[in-house]
Amino acid sequence: MLIKLNGKPHTLPADASVLALAQLLDLNPRQVAIERNHGIVPKSAYGEVALAEGDEVEIVQFIGGG
């Protein structure tokens, strides 16, 4: 399936969840915020929220510093 990830086209397996996307991108789910179709996805639901053709996904990664 084709989604828009951070404004760019991205291809995923047909049954991908938000958690699967994070894992495919090698991201730690605890260190990112994920928005699907203009709504924040709760971290507790990452494995349950299925992505669909045409979804718009934005991922923000938290970076520590000092």
PDB file of N, CA and C in Angstrom:
ATOM      1  N   MET A   1       0.843  -1.174   0.000  1.00  0.00           N
ATOM      2  CA  MET A   1       0.000   0.000   0.000  1.00  0.00           C
ATOM      3  C   MET A   1       0.883   1.230   0.000  1.00  0.00           C
ATOM      4  N   LEU A   2       0.318   2.332  -0.449  1.00  0.00           N
ATOM      5  CA  LEU A   2       1.052   3.588  -0.530  1.00  0.00           C
ATOM      6  C   LEU A   2       0.469   4.575   0.477  1.00  0.00           C
ATOM      7  N   ILE A   3       1.341   5.113   1.336  1.00  0.00           N
ATOM      8  CA  ILE A   3       0.941   6.148   2.283  1.00  0.00           C
ATOM      9  C   ILE A   3       1.810   7.370   2.032  1.00  0.00           C
ATOM     10  N   LYS A   4       1.477   8.459   2.690  1.00  0.00           N
ATOM     11  CA  LYS A   4       2.335   9.639   2.655  1.00  0.00           C
ATOM     12  C   LYS A   4       2.993   9.733   4.025  1.00  0.00           C
ATOM     13  N   LEU A   5       4.317   9.633   4.057  1.00  0.00           N
ATOM     14  CA  LEU A   5       5.082   9.656   5.303  1.00  0.00           C
ATOM     15  C   LEU A   5       5.911  10.926   5.356  1.00  0.00           C
ATOM     16  N   ASN A   6       5.612  11.777   6.317  1.00  0.00           N
ATOM     17  CA  ASN A   6       6.295  13.066   6.447  1.00  0.00           C
ATOM     18  C   ASN A   6       6.330  13.802   5.113  1.00  0.00           C
ATOM     19  N   GLY A   7       5.191  13.749   4.401  1.00  0.00           N
ATOM     20  CA  GLY A   7       5.046  14.494   3.162  1.00  0.00           C
ATOM     21  C   GLY A   7       5.537  13.815   1.904  1.00  0.00           C
ATOM     22  N   LYS A   8       6.088  12.593   2.030  1.00  0.00           N
ATOM     23  CA  LYS A   8       6.631  11.892   0.862  1.00  0.00           C
ATOM     24  C   LYS A   8       5.962  10.532   0.708  1.00  0.00           C
ATOM     25  N   PRO A   9       5.805  10.051  -0.533  1.00  0.00           N
ATOM     26  CA  PRO A   9       5.218   8.724  -0.745  1.00  0.00           C
ATOM     27  C   PRO A   9       6.087   7.636  -0.121  1.00  0.00           C
ATOM     28  N   HIS A  10       5.429   6.643   0.472  1.00  0.00           N
ATOM     29  CA  HIS A  10       6.144   5.530   1.106  1.00  0.00           C
ATOM     30  C   HIS A  10       5.302   4.263   0.932  1.00  0.00           C
ATOM     31  N   THR A  11       5.935   3.178   0.534  1.00  0.00           N
ATOM     32  CA  THR A  11       5.242   1.911   0.318  1.00  0.00           C
ATOM     33  C   THR A  11       5.415   1.005   1.530  1.00  0.00           C
ATOM     34  N   LEU A  12       4.310   0.365   1.925  1.00  0.00           N
ATOM     35  CA  LEU A  12       4.294  -0.549   3.074  1.00  0.00           C
ATOM     36  C   LEU A  12       3.555  -1.825   2.710  1.00  0.00           C
ATOM     37  N   PRO A  13       3.780  -2.905   3.477  1.00  0.00           N
ATOM     38  CA  PRO A  13       2.960  -4.103   3.310  1.00  0.00           C
ATOM     39  C   PRO A  13       1.489  -3.775   3.590  1.00  0.00           C
ATOM     40  N   ALA A  14       0.592  -4.502   2.973  1.00  0.00           N
ATOM     41  CA  ALA A  14      -0.844  -4.204   3.049  1.00  0.00           C
ATOM     42  C   ALA A  14      -1.404  -4.240   4.463  1.00  0.00           C
ATOM     43  N   ASP A  15      -0.849  -5.028   5.349  1.00  0.00           N
ATOM     44  CA  ASP A  15      -1.415  -5.180   6.696  1.00  0.00           C
ATOM     45  C   ASP A  15      -0.613  -4.441   7.768  1.00  0.00           C
ATOM     46  N   ALA A  16       0.123  -3.399   7.403  1.00  0.00           N
ATOM     47  CA  ALA A  16       1.011  -2.715   8.339  1.00  0.00           C
ATOM     48  C   ALA A  16       0.236  -1.916   9.385  1.00  0.00           C
ATOM     49  N   SER A  17       0.739  -1.969  10.605  1.00  0.00           N
ATOM     50  CA  SER A  17       0.209  -1.158  11.698  1.00  0.00           C
ATOM     51  C   SER A  17       1.168   0.008  11.933  1.00  0.00           C
ATOM     52  N   VAL A  18       0.778   0.903  12.803  1.00  0.00           N
ATOM     53  CA  VAL A  18       1.654   2.006  13.168  1.00  0.00           C
ATOM     54  C   VAL A  18       2.940   1.458  13.795  1.00  0.00           C
ATOM     55  N   LEU A  19       2.808   0.444  14.645  1.00  0.00           N
ATOM     56  CA  LEU A  19       3.987  -0.176  15.262  1.00  0.00           C
ATOM     57  C   LEU A  19       4.891  -0.805  14.209  1.00  0.00           C
ATOM     58  N   ALA A  20       4.314  -1.499  13.235  1.00  0.00           N
ATOM     59  CA  ALA A  20       5.113  -2.113  12.169  1.00  0.00           C
ATOM     60  C   ALA A  20       5.872  -1.053  11.386  1.00  0.00           C
ATOM     61  N   LEU A  21       5.238   0.084  11.129  1.00  0.00           N
ATOM     62  CA  LEU A  21       5.915   1.169  10.426  1.00  0.00           C
ATOM     63  C   LEU A  21       7.115   1.655  11.219  1.00  0.00           C
ATOM     64  N   ALA A  22       6.929   1.878  12.512  1.00  0.00           N
ATOM     65  CA  ALA A  22       8.039   2.323  13.361  1.00  0.00           C
ATOM     66  C   ALA A  22       9.176   1.305  13.332  1.00  0.00           C
ATOM     67  N   GLN A  23       8.843   0.024  13.391  1.00  0.00           N
ATOM     68  CA  GLN A  23       9.868  -1.011  13.373  1.00  0.00           C
ATOM     69  C   GLN A  23      10.570  -1.076  12.018  1.00  0.00           C
ATOM     70  N   LEU A  24       9.819  -0.928  10.925  1.00  0.00           N
ATOM     71  CA  LEU A  24      10.422  -0.925   9.591  1.00  0.00           C
ATOM     72  C   LEU A  24      11.399   0.238   9.418  1.00  0.00           C
ATOM     73  N   LEU A  25      11.106   1.341  10.082  1.00  0.00           N
ATOM     74  CA  LEU A  25      11.973   2.515  10.006  1.00  0.00           C
ATOM     75  C   LEU A  25      13.077   2.484  11.056  1.00  0.00           C
ATOM     76  N   ASP A  26      13.136   1.394  11.827  1.00  0.00           N
ATOM     77  CA  ASP A  26      14.139   1.212  12.875  1.00  0.00           C
ATOM     78  C   ASP A  26      14.066   2.322  13.933  1.00  0.00           C
ATOM     79  N   LEU A  27      12.828   2.663  14.314  1.00  0.00           N
ATOM     80  CA  LEU A  27      12.599   3.680  15.333  1.00  0.00           C
ATOM     81  C   LEU A  27      12.149   3.030  16.628  1.00  0.00           C
ATOM     82  N   ASN A  28      12.569   3.592  17.739  1.00  0.00           N
ATOM     83  CA  ASN A  28      12.111   3.145  19.043  1.00  0.00           C
ATOM     84  C   ASN A  28      10.740   3.779  19.283  1.00  0.00           C
ATOM     85  N   PRO A  29       9.677   2.991  19.378  1.00  0.00           N
ATOM     86  CA  PRO A  29       8.334   3.554  19.549  1.00  0.00           C
ATOM     87  C   PRO A  29       8.192   4.469  20.760  1.00  0.00           C
ATOM     88  N   ARG A  30       9.043   4.302  21.766  1.00  0.00           N
ATOM     89  CA  ARG A  30       8.971   5.146  22.951  1.00  0.00           C
ATOM     90  C   ARG A  30       9.585   6.526  22.721  1.00  0.00           C
ATOM     91  N   GLN A  31      10.334   6.671  21.618  1.00  0.00           N
ATOM     92  CA  GLN A  31      11.027   7.932  21.371  1.00  0.00           C
ATOM     93  C   GLN A  31      10.452   8.711  20.195  1.00  0.00           C
ATOM     94  N   VAL A  32       9.253   8.364  19.768  1.00  0.00           N
ATOM     95  CA  VAL A  32       8.624   9.071  18.659  1.00  0.00           C
ATOM     96  C   VAL A  32       7.173   9.397  18.990  1.00  0.00           C
ATOM     97  N   ALA A  33       6.663  10.396  18.305  1.00  0.00           N
ATOM     98  CA  ALA A  33       5.226  10.698  18.316  1.00  0.00           C
ATOM     99  C   ALA A  33       4.749  10.462  16.891  1.00  0.00           C
ATOM    100  N   ILE A  34       3.638   9.761  16.744  1.00  0.00           N
ATOM    101  CA  ILE A  34       3.130   9.427  15.419  1.00  0.00           C
ATOM    102  C   ILE A  34       1.713   9.960  15.264  1.00  0.00           C
ATOM    103  N   GLU A  35       1.515  10.675  14.171  1.00  0.00           N
ATOM    104  CA  GLU A  35       0.207  11.233  13.842  1.00  0.00           C
ATOM    105  C   GLU A  35      -0.291  10.550  12.570  1.00  0.00           C
ATOM    106  N   ARG A  36      -1.538  10.132  12.576  1.00  0.00           N
ATOM    107  CA  ARG A  36      -2.157   9.513  11.391  1.00  0.00           C
ATOM    108  C   ARG A  36      -3.383  10.317  11.015  1.00  0.00           C
ATOM    109  N   ASN A  37      -3.398  10.804   9.795  1.00  0.00           N
ATOM    110  CA  ASN A  37      -4.529  11.594   9.290  1.00  0.00           C
ATOM    111  C   ASN A  37      -4.916  12.718  10.251  1.00  0.00           C
ATOM    112  N   HIS A  38      -3.895  13.458  10.704  1.00  0.00           N
ATOM    113  CA  HIS A  38      -4.046  14.662  11.522  1.00  0.00           C
ATOM    114  C   HIS A  38      -4.497  14.382  12.951  1.00  0.00           C
ATOM    115  N   GLY A  39      -4.356  13.138  13.418  1.00  0.00           N
ATOM    116  CA  GLY A  39      -4.675  12.803  14.804  1.00  0.00           C
ATOM    117  C   GLY A  39      -3.528  12.024  15.432  1.00  0.00           C
ATOM    118  N   ILE A  40      -3.167  12.381  16.644  1.00  0.00           N
ATOM    119  CA  ILE A  40      -2.079  11.685  17.344  1.00  0.00           C
ATOM    120  C   ILE A  40      -2.533  10.277  17.691  1.00  0.00           C
ATOM    121  N   VAL A  41      -1.671   9.311  17.433  1.00  0.00           N
ATOM    122  CA  VAL A  41      -1.959   7.921  17.791  1.00  0.00           C
ATOM    123  C   VAL A  41      -1.341   7.668  19.175  1.00  0.00           C
ATOM    124  N   PRO A  42      -2.138   7.255  20.162  1.00  0.00           N
ATOM    125  CA  PRO A  42      -1.575   6.960  21.484  1.00  0.00           C
ATOM    126  C   PRO A  42      -0.567   5.811  21.403  1.00  0.00           C
ATOM    127  N   LYS A  43       0.518   5.931  22.118  1.00  0.00           N
ATOM    128  CA  LYS A  43       1.546   4.881  22.096  1.00  0.00           C
ATOM    129  C   LYS A  43       0.959   3.516  22.441  1.00  0.00           C
ATOM    130  N   SER A  44      -0.011   3.489  23.322  1.00  0.00           N
ATOM    131  CA  SER A  44      -0.623   2.222  23.735  1.00  0.00           C
ATOM    132  C   SER A  44      -1.396   1.558  22.598  1.00  0.00           C
ATOM    133  N   ALA A  45      -1.678   2.300  21.525  1.00  0.00           N
ATOM    134  CA  ALA A  45      -2.469   1.763  20.411  1.00  0.00           C
ATOM    135  C   ALA A  45      -1.634   1.515  19.158  1.00  0.00           C
ATOM    136  N   TYR A  46      -0.333   1.742  19.205  1.00  0.00           N
ATOM    137  CA  TYR A  46       0.507   1.594  18.008  1.00  0.00           C
ATOM    138  C   TYR A  46       0.320   0.231  17.335  1.00  0.00           C
ATOM    139  N   GLY A  47       0.245  -0.834  18.105  1.00  0.00           N
ATOM    140  CA  GLY A  47       0.116  -2.173  17.534  1.00  0.00           C
ATOM    141  C   GLY A  47      -1.278  -2.478  17.009  1.00  0.00           C
ATOM    142  N   GLU A  48      -2.265  -1.711  17.436  1.00  0.00           N
ATOM    143  CA  GLU A  48      -3.656  -1.969  17.071  1.00  0.00           C
ATOM    144  C   GLU A  48      -4.159  -1.099  15.928  1.00  0.00           C
ATOM    145  N   VAL A  49      -3.484   0.027  15.675  1.00  0.00           N
ATOM    146  CA  VAL A  49      -3.940   0.956  14.645  1.00  0.00           C
ATOM    147  C   VAL A  49      -3.361   0.542  13.296  1.00  0.00           C
ATOM    148  N   ALA A  50      -4.253   0.072  12.422  1.00  0.00           N
ATOM    149  CA  ALA A  50      -3.837  -0.357  11.084  1.00  0.00           C
ATOM    150  C   ALA A  50      -3.752   0.845  10.158  1.00  0.00           C
ATOM    151  N   LEU A  51      -2.749   0.825   9.309  1.00  0.00           N
ATOM    152  CA  LEU A  51      -2.622   1.859   8.294  1.00  0.00           C
ATOM    153  C   LEU A  51      -3.383   1.428   7.051  1.00  0.00           C
ATOM    154  N   ALA A  52      -3.837   2.411   6.274  1.00  0.00           N
ATOM    155  CA  ALA A  52      -4.605   2.126   5.070  1.00  0.00           C
ATOM    156  C   ALA A  52      -4.050   2.938   3.902  1.00  0.00           C
ATOM    157  N   GLU A  53      -4.338   2.478   2.717  1.00  0.00           N
ATOM    158  CA  GLU A  53      -3.932   3.165   1.490  1.00  0.00           C
ATOM    159  C   GLU A  53      -4.298   4.649   1.579  1.00  0.00           C
ATOM    160  N   GLY A  54      -3.324   5.498   1.300  1.00  0.00           N
ATOM    161  CA  GLY A  54      -3.574   6.939   1.273  1.00  0.00           C
ATOM    162  C   GLY A  54      -3.463   7.650   2.602  1.00  0.00           C
ATOM    163  N   ASP A  55      -3.224   6.909   3.694  1.00  0.00           N
ATOM    164  CA  ASP A  55      -3.067   7.561   4.996  1.00  0.00           C
ATOM    165  C   ASP A  55      -1.918   8.560   4.948  1.00  0.00           C
ATOM    166  N   GLU A  56      -2.067   9.635   5.714  1.00  0.00           N
ATOM    167  CA  GLU A  56      -1.000  10.612   5.881  1.00  0.00           C
ATOM    168  C   GLU A  56      -0.434  10.438   7.282  1.00  0.00           C
ATOM    169  N   VAL A  57       0.854  10.121   7.347  1.00  0.00           N
ATOM    170  CA  VAL A  57       1.516   9.835   8.614  1.00  0.00           C
ATOM    171  C   VAL A  57       2.665  10.823   8.818  1.00  0.00           C
ATOM    172  N   GLU A  58       2.718  11.398   9.992  1.00  0.00           N
ATOM    173  CA  GLU A  58       3.828  12.263  10.385  1.00  0.00           C
ATOM    174  C   GLU A  58       4.484  11.653  11.607  1.00  0.00           C
ATOM    175  N   ILE A  59       5.809  11.581  11.578  1.00  0.00           N
ATOM    176  CA  ILE A  59       6.559  11.039  12.714  1.00  0.00           C
ATOM    177  C   ILE A  59       7.544  12.092  13.190  1.00  0.00           C
ATOM    178  N   VAL A  60       7.514  12.339  14.494  1.00  0.00           N
ATOM    179  CA  VAL A  60       8.456  13.252  15.122  1.00  0.00           C
ATOM    180  C   VAL A  60       9.270  12.435  16.102  1.00  0.00           C
ATOM    181  N   GLN A  61      10.599  12.536  15.982  1.00  0.00           N
ATOM    182  CA  GLN A  61      11.483  11.777  16.861  1.00  0.00           C
ATOM    183  C   GLN A  61      12.042  12.721  17.924  1.00  0.00           C
ATOM    184  N   PHE A  62      12.003  12.256  19.183  1.00  0.00           N
ATOM    185  CA  PHE A  62      12.521  13.040  20.294  1.00  0.00           C
ATOM    186  C   PHE A  62      14.027  12.832  20.372  1.00  0.00           C
ATOM    187  N   ILE A  63      14.740  13.948  20.484  1.00  0.00           N
ATOM    188  CA  ILE A  63      16.203  13.898  20.582  1.00  0.00           C
ATOM    189  C   ILE A  63      16.611  14.618  21.845  1.00  0.00           C
ATOM    190  N   GLY A  64      17.358  13.917  22.689  1.00  0.00           N
ATOM    191  CA  GLY A  64      17.819  14.520  23.935  1.00  0.00           C
ATOM    192  C   GLY A  64      19.065  15.342  23.710  1.00  0.00           C
ATOM    193  N   GLY A  65      19.296  16.242  24.582  1.00  0.00           N
ATOM    194  CA  GLY A  65      20.493  17.065  24.472  1.00  0.00           C
ATOM    195  C   GLY A  65      20.689  17.824  25.767  1.00  0.00           C
ATOM    196  N   GLY A  66      21.712  18.599  25.764  1.00  0.00           N
ATOM    197  CA  GLY A  66      21.942  19.346  26.994  1.00  0.00           C
ATOM    198  C   GLY A  66      22.738  20.575  26.790  1.00  0.00           C
TER     199      GLY A  66
END
